[in-house]
Amino acid sequence: MPGPVIACPHCGTKNRLPLVAKGTPRCAHCKQPLPWLVDAGDGDFDQVVDTKALVVVDLWAPWCGPCRMIAPVLETLSKELAGQVKVVKVNVDDSPRIAMKYKAQSIPMILLMDRGEVVDTIIGAQPAPVLRSQITGALDRRG
């Protein structure tokens, strides 16, 4: 299952992001950490979130306006926190088992996961500073 191809924000080299990896992705050319933003669904979610990085799971739907509002914020945060976080987007319409497992009754719903365990939940479209603060707080708590 190949991941998306992205250009390195440091040198422009195109790299294929892994969906599943124990470490964090780095540019093949300049070796800088890459922003790690991937999609997952019912079939591959458990493998995709099984990583040492802090995982930011975005439970969203294409028809959800607030979900579309926070998508660019999460993309920016994946770049700012490259090497520290993995952003995993899950379309709840296509992945009803994940939505049910995490009781996603209101979206957008962000799960912060550390080694497979949910350590924080953010419901609703929060401003960028709030999301950044929650995510960096979870990173600080990891030690």
C-alpha atoms as a PDB file:
ATOM      1  CA  MET A   1       0.000   0.000   0.000  1.00  0.00           C
ATOM      2  CA  PRO A   2       1.990   2.964  -1.256  1.00  0.00           C
ATOM      3  CA  GLY A   3       1.630   6.340   0.414  1.00  0.00           C
ATOM      4  CA  PRO A   4       1.377   9.773  -1.175  1.00  0.00           C
ATOM      5  CA  VAL A   5       4.280  11.503  -2.916  1.00  0.00           C
ATOM      6  CA  ILE A   6       5.263  14.891  -1.472  1.00  0.00           C
ATOM      7  CA  ALA A   7       7.948  17.440  -2.211  1.00  0.00           C
ATOM      8  CA  CYS A   8      10.427  17.993   0.605  1.00  0.00           C
ATOM      9  CA  PRO A   9       9.792  21.466   2.065  1.00  0.00           C
ATOM     10  CA  HIS A  10      13.573  21.891   2.494  1.00  0.00           C
ATOM     11  CA  CYS A  11      15.026  20.863  -0.880  1.00  0.00           C
ATOM     12  CA  GLY A  12      12.058  20.106  -3.149  1.00  0.00           C
ATOM     13  CA  THR A  13      12.961  16.449  -3.743  1.00  0.00           C
ATOM     14  CA  LYS A  14       9.902  14.250  -4.267  1.00  0.00           C
ATOM     15  CA  ASN A  15       9.515  11.492  -1.691  1.00  0.00           C
ATOM     16  CA  ARG A  16       6.935   8.756  -1.231  1.00  0.00           C
ATOM     17  CA  LEU A  17       5.589   8.831   2.325  1.00  0.00           C
ATOM     18  CA  PRO A  18       5.171   5.473   3.995  1.00  0.00           C
ATOM     19  CA  LEU A  19       1.721   4.718   5.378  1.00  0.00           C
ATOM     20  CA  VAL A  20       3.268   2.427   7.959  1.00  0.00           C
ATOM     21  CA  ALA A  21       6.691   2.881   9.575  1.00  0.00           C
ATOM     22  CA  LYS A  22       8.183   2.562  13.034  1.00  0.00           C
ATOM     23  CA  GLY A  23      10.393   5.654  12.663  1.00  0.00           C
ATOM     24  CA  THR A  24       9.613   8.982  10.998  1.00  0.00           C
ATOM     25  CA  PRO A  25      10.054   9.697   7.286  1.00  0.00           C
ATOM     26  CA  ARG A  26      13.055  11.706   6.095  1.00  0.00           C
ATOM     27  CA  CYS A  27      13.887  13.167   2.716  1.00  0.00           C
ATOM     28  CA  ALA A  28      15.929  10.779   0.565  1.00  0.00           C
ATOM     29  CA  HIS A  29      18.134  13.678  -0.575  1.00  0.00           C
ATOM     30  CA  CYS A  30      18.659  16.133   2.324  1.00  0.00           C
ATOM     31  CA  LYS A  31      17.669  13.793   5.205  1.00  0.00           C
ATOM     32  CA  GLN A  32      15.408  16.427   6.834  1.00  0.00           C
ATOM     33  CA  PRO A  33      12.172  15.192   8.510  1.00  0.00           C
ATOM     34  CA  LEU A  34       9.175  15.173   6.172  1.00  0.00           C
ATOM     35  CA  PRO A  35       5.634  16.252   7.060  1.00  0.00           C
ATOM     36  CA  TRP A  36       3.746  12.995   7.607  1.00  0.00           C
ATOM     37  CA  LEU A  37       0.105  13.357   6.538  1.00  0.00           C
ATOM     38  CA  VAL A  38      -1.691  10.255   5.251  1.00  0.00           C
ATOM     39  CA  ASP A  39      -5.188   8.839   4.829  1.00  0.00           C
ATOM     40  CA  ALA A  40      -6.386   5.691   6.591  1.00  0.00           C
ATOM     41  CA  GLY A  41      -9.594   3.699   6.802  1.00  0.00           C
ATOM     42  CA  ASP A  42     -11.216   0.719   8.456  1.00  0.00           C
ATOM     43  CA  GLY A  43      -8.867  -1.742   6.739  1.00  0.00           C
ATOM     44  CA  ASP A  44      -5.514  -0.192   7.587  1.00  0.00           C
ATOM     45  CA  PHE A  45      -6.102   2.174  10.528  1.00  0.00           C
ATOM     46  CA  ASP A  46      -4.472   0.024  13.221  1.00  0.00           C
ATOM     47  CA  GLN A  47      -1.266  -0.419  11.180  1.00  0.00           C
ATOM     48  CA  VAL A  48      -1.136   3.267  10.165  1.00  0.00           C
ATOM     49  CA  VAL A  49      -1.400   4.584  13.750  1.00  0.00           C
ATOM     50  CA  ASP A  50       1.130   2.033  15.082  1.00  0.00           C
ATOM     51  CA  THR A  51       4.167   4.313  15.257  1.00  0.00           C
ATOM     52  CA  LYS A  52       6.444   5.964  17.802  1.00  0.00           C
ATOM     53  CA  ALA A  53       5.431   9.466  16.636  1.00  0.00           C
ATOM     54  CA  LEU A  54       2.505  11.267  18.255  1.00  0.00           C
ATOM     55  CA  VAL A  55      -0.460  10.534  15.978  1.00  0.00           C
ATOM     56  CA  VAL A  56      -3.021  13.244  15.260  1.00  0.00           C
ATOM     57  CA  VAL A  57      -6.133  11.501  13.912  1.00  0.00           C
ATOM     58  CA  ASP A  58      -8.589  13.732  12.051  1.00  0.00           C
ATOM     59  CA  LEU A  59     -12.061  12.159  11.913  1.00  0.00           C
ATOM     60  CA  TRP A  60     -13.795  14.137   9.163  1.00  0.00           C
ATOM     61  CA  ALA A  61     -16.266  14.002   6.255  1.00  0.00           C
ATOM     62  CA  PRO A  62     -16.196  15.783   2.874  1.00  0.00           C
ATOM     63  CA  TRP A  63     -19.602  17.419   3.454  1.00  0.00           C
ATOM     64  CA  CYS A  64     -18.496  18.935   6.797  1.00  0.00           C
ATOM     65  CA  GLY A  65     -17.636  22.634   6.485  1.00  0.00           C
ATOM     66  CA  PRO A  66     -15.758  22.866   9.802  1.00  0.00           C
ATOM     67  CA  CYS A  67     -13.750  19.774   8.785  1.00  0.00           C
ATOM     68  CA  ARG A  68     -12.650  21.549   5.611  1.00  0.00           C
ATOM     69  CA  MET A  69     -11.727  24.619   7.696  1.00  0.00           C
ATOM     70  CA  ILE A  70      -9.251  22.755   9.921  1.00  0.00           C
ATOM     71  CA  ALA A  71      -7.716  20.634   7.133  1.00  0.00           C
ATOM     72  CA  PRO A  72      -5.192  23.331   6.114  1.00  0.00           C
ATOM     73  CA  VAL A  73      -4.352  23.956   9.784  1.00  0.00           C
ATOM     74  CA  LEU A  74      -3.501  20.271  10.263  1.00  0.00           C
ATOM     75  CA  GLU A  75      -1.455  20.296   7.053  1.00  0.00           C
ATOM     76  CA  THR A  76       0.523  23.308   8.321  1.00  0.00           C
ATOM     77  CA  LEU A  77       1.054  21.668  11.715  1.00  0.00           C
ATOM     78  CA  SER A  78       2.286  18.482  10.016  1.00  0.00           C
ATOM     79  CA  LYS A  79       4.965  20.639   8.339  1.00  0.00           C
ATOM     80  CA  GLU A  80       5.843  22.638  11.469  1.00  0.00           C
ATOM     81  CA  LEU A  81       6.075  19.500  13.608  1.00  0.00           C
ATOM     82  CA  ALA A  82       7.676  17.225  10.984  1.00  0.00           C
ATOM     83  CA  GLY A  83       9.533  14.401  12.664  1.00  0.00           C
ATOM     84  CA  GLN A  84       7.369  14.678  15.785  1.00  0.00           C
ATOM     85  CA  VAL A  85       3.799  13.997  14.607  1.00  0.00           C
ATOM     86  CA  LYS A  86       1.942  11.902  12.086  1.00  0.00           C
ATOM     87  CA  VAL A  87      -1.397  13.289  10.887  1.00  0.00           C
ATOM     88  CA  VAL A  88      -3.860  10.566   9.866  1.00  0.00           C
ATOM     89  CA  LYS A  89      -7.068  11.612   8.126  1.00  0.00           C
ATOM     90  CA  VAL A  90     -10.053   9.250   8.390  1.00  0.00           C
ATOM     91  CA  ASN A  91     -13.204   9.914   6.349  1.00  0.00           C
ATOM     92  CA  VAL A  92     -15.957   8.733   8.717  1.00  0.00           C
ATOM     93  CA  ASP A  93     -18.382   8.155   5.818  1.00  0.00           C
ATOM     94  CA  ASP A  94     -15.953   5.635   4.296  1.00  0.00           C
ATOM     95  CA  SER A  95     -14.783   4.203   7.647  1.00  0.00           C
ATOM     96  CA  PRO A  96     -17.807   3.596   9.883  1.00  0.00           C
ATOM     97  CA  ARG A  97     -15.980   1.094  12.135  1.00  0.00           C
ATOM     98  CA  ILE A  98     -13.369   3.673  13.155  1.00  0.00           C
ATOM     99  CA  ALA A  99     -16.092   6.283  13.705  1.00  0.00           C
ATOM    100  CA  MET A 100     -18.013   3.856  15.942  1.00  0.00           C
ATOM    101  CA  LYS A 101     -14.897   2.682  17.815  1.00  0.00           C
ATOM    102  CA  TYR A 102     -14.039   6.248  18.855  1.00  0.00           C
ATOM    103  CA  LYS A 103     -17.678   7.363  19.263  1.00  0.00           C
ATOM    104  CA  ALA A 104     -17.397  10.126  16.654  1.00  0.00           C
ATOM    105  CA  GLN A 105     -20.838  11.658  17.120  1.00  0.00           C
ATOM    106  CA  SER A 106     -19.648  15.137  16.200  1.00  0.00           C
ATOM    107  CA  ILE A 107     -17.025  16.035  13.611  1.00  0.00           C
ATOM    108  CA  PRO A 108     -14.431  17.250  13.180  1.00  0.00           C
ATOM    109  CA  MET A 109     -13.024  15.162  15.981  1.00  0.00           C
ATOM    110  CA  ILE A 110      -9.282  15.065  16.575  1.00  0.00           C
ATOM    111  CA  LEU A 111      -7.710  12.207  18.531  1.00  0.00           C
ATOM    112  CA  LEU A 112      -4.189  12.577  19.878  1.00  0.00           C
ATOM    113  CA  MET A 113      -2.705   9.090  20.147  1.00  0.00           C
ATOM    114  CA  ASP A 114       0.522   8.105  21.856  1.00  0.00           C
ATOM    115  CA  ARG A 115       1.629   4.527  21.140  1.00  0.00           C
ATOM    116  CA  GLY A 116      -1.893   3.481  20.206  1.00  0.00           C
ATOM    117  CA  GLU A 117      -3.647   5.059  23.203  1.00  0.00           C
ATOM    118  CA  VAL A 118      -5.881   8.145  22.946  1.00  0.00           C
ATOM    119  CA  VAL A 119      -4.347  10.781  25.236  1.00  0.00           C
ATOM    120  CA  ASP A 120      -6.593  13.712  24.244  1.00  0.00           C
ATOM    121  CA  THR A 121      -9.687  14.439  22.175  1.00  0.00           C
ATOM    122  CA  ILE A 122     -10.590  17.718  20.492  1.00  0.00           C
ATOM    123  CA  ILE A 123     -14.141  18.124  19.209  1.00  0.00           C
ATOM    124  CA  GLY A 124     -15.169  20.820  16.761  1.00  0.00           C
ATOM    125  CA  ALA A 125     -13.216  23.219  14.585  1.00  0.00           C
ATOM    126  CA  GLN A 126     -10.756  24.901  16.903  1.00  0.00           C
ATOM    127  CA  PRO A 127      -8.569  27.856  15.912  1.00  0.00           C
ATOM    128  CA  ALA A 128      -4.983  27.095  14.856  1.00  0.00           C
ATOM    129  CA  PRO A 129      -3.439  28.339  18.155  1.00  0.00           C
ATOM    130  CA  VAL A 130      -5.708  26.008  20.171  1.00  0.00           C
ATOM    131  CA  LEU A 131      -4.874  22.972  18.004  1.00  0.00           C
ATOM    132  CA  ARG A 132      -1.155  23.818  18.097  1.00  0.00           C
ATOM    133  CA  SER A 133      -1.268  24.192  21.891  1.00  0.00           C
ATOM    134  CA  GLN A 134      -3.067  20.861  22.400  1.00  0.00           C
ATOM    135  CA  ILE A 135      -0.666  19.008  20.111  1.00  0.00           C
ATOM    136  CA  THR A 136       2.504  20.578  21.530  1.00  0.00           C
ATOM    137  CA  GLY A 137       1.174  19.942  25.038  1.00  0.00           C
ATOM    138  CA  ALA A 138       0.774  16.250  24.195  1.00  0.00           C
ATOM    139  CA  LEU A 139       4.316  16.230  22.788  1.00  0.00           C
ATOM    140  CA  ASP A 140       5.645  17.865  25.988  1.00  0.00           C
ATOM    141  CA  ARG A 141       3.879  15.255  28.142  1.00  0.00           C
ATOM    142  CA  ARG A 142       5.613  12.463  26.222  1.00  0.00           C
ATOM    143  CA  GLY A 143       8.928  13.596  27.683  1.00  0.00           C
END
